[in-house]
PDB file of N, CA and C in Angstrom:
ATOM      1  N   MET A   1     236.296 149.134  37.566  1.00  0.00           N
ATOM      2  CA  MET A   1     236.596 148.647  36.269  1.00  0.00           C
ATOM      3  C   MET A   1     237.758 149.634  35.681  1.00  0.00           C
ATOM      4  N   ARG A   2     237.599 150.801  35.973  1.00  0.00           N
ATOM      5  CA  ARG A   2     238.499 151.906  35.554  1.00  0.00           C
ATOM      6  C   ARG A   2     239.879 151.604  35.992  1.00  0.00           C
ATOM      7  N   ALA A   3     240.045 151.170  37.386  1.00  0.00           N
ATOM      8  CA  ALA A   3     241.371 150.747  37.798  1.00  0.00           C
ATOM      9  C   ALA A   3     241.888 149.428  37.325  1.00  0.00           C
ATOM     10  N   ALA A   4     241.008 148.508  36.962  1.00  0.00           N
ATOM     11  CA  ALA A   4     241.608 147.384  36.116  1.00  0.00           C
ATOM     12  C   ALA A   4     241.906 147.628  34.693  1.00  0.00           C
ATOM     13  N   GLU A   5     241.232 148.526  34.068  1.00  0.00           N
ATOM     14  CA  GLU A   5     241.650 149.121  32.756  1.00  0.00           C
ATOM     15  C   GLU A   5     243.017 149.821  32.770  1.00  0.00           C
ATOM     16  N   SER A   6     243.289 150.562  33.798  1.00  0.00           N
ATOM     17  CA  SER A   6     244.417 151.429  34.083  1.00  0.00           C
ATOM     18  C   SER A   6     245.696 150.493  34.223  1.00  0.00           C
ATOM     19  N   GLU A   7     245.579 149.544  35.146  1.00  0.00           N
ATOM     20  CA  GLU A   7     246.399 148.639  35.400  1.00  0.00           C
ATOM     21  C   GLU A   7     246.778 147.781  34.233  1.00  0.00           C
ATOM     22  N   SER A   8     245.850 147.322  33.506  1.00  0.00           N
ATOM     23  CA  SER A   8     246.017 146.445  32.254  1.00  0.00           C
ATOM     24  C   SER A   8     246.870 147.338  31.282  1.00  0.00           C
ATOM     25  N   ARG A   9     246.456 148.534  31.029  1.00  0.00           N
ATOM     26  CA  ARG A   9     247.283 149.328  30.028  1.00  0.00           C
ATOM     27  C   ARG A   9     248.608 149.570  30.677  1.00  0.00           C
ATOM     28  N   ALA A  10     248.953 149.694  31.807  1.00  0.00           N
ATOM     29  CA  ALA A  10     250.179 149.974  32.398  1.00  0.00           C
ATOM     30  C   ALA A  10     251.162 148.727  32.175  1.00  0.00           C
ATOM     31  N   ARG A  11     250.511 147.525  32.126  1.00  0.00           N
ATOM     32  CA  ARG A  11     251.289 146.217  31.878  1.00  0.00           C
ATOM     33  C   ARG A  11     251.208 145.942  30.413  1.00  0.00           C
ATOM     34  N   GLY A  12     250.813 146.847  29.568  1.00  0.00           N
ATOM     35  CA  GLY A  12     250.877 146.524  28.079  1.00  0.00           C
ATOM     36  C   GLY A  12     249.885 145.787  27.449  1.00  0.00           C
ATOM     37  N   VAL A  13     248.838 145.577  28.278  1.00  0.00           N
ATOM     38  CA  VAL A  13     247.483 144.736  27.876  1.00  0.00           C
ATOM     39  C   VAL A  13     246.716 145.633  26.733  1.00  0.00           C
ATOM     40  N   ARG A  14     246.500 145.210  25.636  1.00  0.00           N
ATOM     41  CA  ARG A  14     245.745 145.861  24.700  1.00  0.00           C
ATOM     42  C   ARG A  14     244.176 145.604  24.508  1.00  0.00           C
ATOM     43  N   ARG A  15     243.759 144.597  25.111  1.00  0.00           N
ATOM     44  CA  ARG A  15     242.410 144.140  24.911  1.00  0.00           C
ATOM     45  C   ARG A  15     241.850 143.490  26.199  1.00  0.00           C
ATOM     46  N   MET A  16     240.781 143.744  26.643  1.00  0.00           N
ATOM     47  CA  MET A  16     240.142 143.034  27.817  1.00  0.00           C
ATOM     48  C   MET A  16     238.910 142.318  27.345  1.00  0.00           C
ATOM     49  N   VAL A  17     238.713 141.079  27.706  1.00  0.00           N
ATOM     50  CA  VAL A  17     237.695 140.312  27.324  1.00  0.00           C
ATOM     51  C   VAL A  17     236.944 139.804  28.691  1.00  0.00           C
ATOM     52  N   LEU A  18     235.675 140.032  28.716  1.00  0.00           N
ATOM     53  CA  LEU A  18     234.787 139.621  29.905  1.00  0.00           C
ATOM     54  C   LEU A  18     233.795 138.500  29.541  1.00  0.00           C
ATOM     55  N   ASP A  19     233.447 137.627  30.359  1.00  0.00           N
ATOM     56  CA  ASP A  19     232.477 136.930  30.208  1.00  0.00           C
ATOM     57  C   ASP A  19     231.180 137.075  31.098  1.00  0.00           C
ATOM     58  N   ALA A  20     229.981 136.985  30.794  1.00  0.00           N
ATOM     59  CA  ALA A  20     228.905 136.815  31.476  1.00  0.00           C
ATOM     60  C   ALA A  20     227.822 135.895  30.959  1.00  0.00           C
ATOM     61  N   TRP A  21     227.218 135.211  32.034  1.00  0.00           N
ATOM     62  CA  TRP A  21     226.158 134.243  31.553  1.00  0.00           C
ATOM     63  C   TRP A  21     225.117 134.947  30.873  1.00  0.00           C
ATOM     64  N   ALA A  22     224.480 134.284  29.878  1.00  0.00           N
ATOM     65  CA  ALA A  22     223.501 134.804  29.038  1.00  0.00           C
ATOM     66  C   ALA A  22     222.298 135.346  29.894  1.00  0.00           C
ATOM     67  N   THR A  23     222.018 134.720  30.933  1.00  0.00           N
ATOM     68  CA  THR A  23     220.936 135.136  31.852  1.00  0.00           C
ATOM     69  C   THR A  23     221.382 136.291  32.843  1.00  0.00           C
ATOM     70  N   ASN A  24     222.609 136.769  32.705  1.00  0.00           N
ATOM     71  CA  ASN A  24     222.966 137.803  33.705  1.00  0.00           C
ATOM     72  C   ASN A  24     222.928 138.981  32.884  1.00  0.00           C
ATOM     73  N   GLU A  25     221.760 139.537  32.773  1.00  0.00           N
ATOM     74  CA  GLU A  25     221.542 140.848  31.982  1.00  0.00           C
ATOM     75  C   GLU A  25     222.220 142.041  32.617  1.00  0.00           C
ATOM     76  N   GLY A  26     222.079 141.984  34.011  1.00  0.00           N
ATOM     77  CA  GLY A  26     222.705 143.121  34.707  1.00  0.00           C
ATOM     78  C   GLY A  26     224.158 143.399  34.353  1.00  0.00           C
ATOM     79  N   ALA A  27     225.035 142.236  34.514  1.00  0.00           N
ATOM     80  CA  ALA A  27     226.371 142.232  34.122  1.00  0.00           C
ATOM     81  C   ALA A  27     226.544 142.570  32.664  1.00  0.00           C
ATOM     82  N   GLN A  28     225.723 142.122  31.751  1.00  0.00           N
ATOM     83  CA  GLN A  28     225.958 142.594  30.373  1.00  0.00           C
ATOM     84  C   GLN A  28     225.653 144.065  30.237  1.00  0.00           C
ATOM     85  N   HIS A  29     224.710 144.667  30.830  1.00  0.00           N
ATOM     86  CA  HIS A  29     224.430 146.047  30.865  1.00  0.00           C
ATOM     87  C   HIS A  29     225.573 146.960  31.429  1.00  0.00           C
ATOM     88  N   PHE A  30     226.021 146.433  32.586  1.00  0.00           N
ATOM     89  CA  PHE A  30     227.233 147.024  33.216  1.00  0.00           C
ATOM     90  C   PHE A  30     228.328 147.116  32.162  1.00  0.00           C
ATOM     91  N   PHE A  31     228.679 145.954  31.642  1.00  0.00           N
ATOM     92  CA  PHE A  31     229.836 145.968  30.866  1.00  0.00           C
ATOM     93  C   PHE A  31     229.785 146.848  29.644  1.00  0.00           C
ATOM     94  N   GLN A  32     228.549 146.820  29.055  1.00  0.00           N
ATOM     95  CA  GLN A  32     228.309 147.663  27.911  1.00  0.00           C
ATOM     96  C   GLN A  32     228.225 149.176  28.241  1.00  0.00           C
ATOM     97  N   ALA A  33     227.756 149.521  29.422  1.00  0.00           N
ATOM     98  CA  ALA A  33     227.993 150.913  29.900  1.00  0.00           C
ATOM     99  C   ALA A  33     229.525 151.248  30.070  1.00  0.00           C
ATOM    100  N   GLU A  34     230.288 150.414  30.326  1.00  0.00           N
ATOM    101  CA  GLU A  34     231.520 150.672  30.554  1.00  0.00           C
ATOM    102  C   GLU A  34     232.384 150.570  29.296  1.00  0.00           C
ATOM    103  N   GLY A  35     231.670 150.577  28.084  1.00  0.00           N
ATOM    104  CA  GLY A  35     232.346 150.530  26.760  1.00  0.00           C
ATOM    105  C   GLY A  35     232.633 149.310  26.070  1.00  0.00           C
ATOM    106  N   PHE A  36     232.354 148.095  26.895  1.00  0.00           N
ATOM    107  CA  PHE A  36     232.540 146.777  26.146  1.00  0.00           C
ATOM    108  C   PHE A  36     231.375 146.538  25.190  1.00  0.00           C
ATOM    109  N   VAL A  37     231.810 145.791  24.150  1.00  0.00           N
ATOM    110  CA  VAL A  37     230.753 145.488  23.048  1.00  0.00           C
ATOM    111  C   VAL A  37     230.747 143.885  22.862  1.00  0.00           C
ATOM    112  N   PRO A  38     229.601 143.410  22.671  1.00  0.00           N
ATOM    113  CA  PRO A  38     229.553 141.960  22.362  1.00  0.00           C
ATOM    114  C   PRO A  38     230.169 141.632  20.927  1.00  0.00           C
ATOM    115  N   PHE A  39     230.995 140.593  21.083  1.00  0.00           N
ATOM    116  CA  PHE A  39     231.844 140.248  19.916  1.00  0.00           C
ATOM    117  C   PHE A  39     231.546 138.706  19.567  1.00  0.00           C
ATOM    118  N   ASN A  40     230.943 137.925  20.469  1.00  0.00           N
ATOM    119  CA  ASN A  40     230.979 136.480  20.178  1.00  0.00           C
ATOM    120  C   ASN A  40     229.830 135.816  20.981  1.00  0.00           C
ATOM    121  N   ILE A  41     229.209 134.910  20.413  1.00  0.00           N
ATOM    122  CA  ILE A  41     228.053 134.066  20.815  1.00  0.00           C
ATOM    123  C   ILE A  41     228.521 132.776  21.033  1.00  0.00           C
ATOM    124  N   VAL A  42     228.396 132.086  22.157  1.00  0.00           N
ATOM    125  CA  VAL A  42     228.751 130.721  22.405  1.00  0.00           C
ATOM    126  C   VAL A  42     227.389 129.975  22.618  1.00  0.00           C
ATOM    127  N   LEU A  43     227.234 128.892  21.962  1.00  0.00           N
ATOM    128  CA  LEU A  43     225.941 128.105  22.188  1.00  0.00           C
ATOM    129  C   LEU A  43     226.255 126.762  22.668  1.00  0.00           C
ATOM    130  N   GLU A  44     225.431 126.299  23.435  1.00  0.00           N
ATOM    131  CA  GLU A  44     225.641 124.930  23.883  1.00  0.00           C
ATOM    132  C   GLU A  44     224.366 124.004  24.003  1.00  0.00           C
ATOM    133  N   LYS A  45     224.576 122.674  23.964  1.00  0.00           N
ATOM    134  CA  LYS A  45     223.535 121.851  24.082  1.00  0.00           C
ATOM    135  C   LYS A  45     223.870 120.684  24.863  1.00  0.00           C
ATOM    136  N   ALA A  46     223.160 120.387  25.957  1.00  0.00           N
ATOM    137  CA  ALA A  46     223.423 119.312  26.893  1.00  0.00           C
ATOM    138  C   ALA A  46     223.065 117.976  26.187  1.00  0.00           C
ATOM    139  N   LEU A  47     223.941 117.064  26.164  1.00  0.00           N
ATOM    140  CA  LEU A  47     223.629 115.832  25.643  1.00  0.00           C
ATOM    141  C   LEU A  47     223.508 114.721  26.691  1.00  0.00           C
ATOM    142  N   GLU A  48     222.239 114.377  27.036  1.00  0.00           N
ATOM    143  CA  GLU A  48     221.942 113.422  28.050  1.00  0.00           C
ATOM    144  C   GLU A  48     221.402 112.069  27.693  1.00  0.00           C
TER     145      GLU A  48
END
């Protein structure tokens, strides 16, 4: 993650946005431990 952030900064990127499935709590905890914070919630409903 640090390498990705470093390369992004070197290329002038000012913000990184990551996605994780709502059920993937491990990824969410990892991203938050790396300093990422939740900022958006997307809801869906299957229409069958």
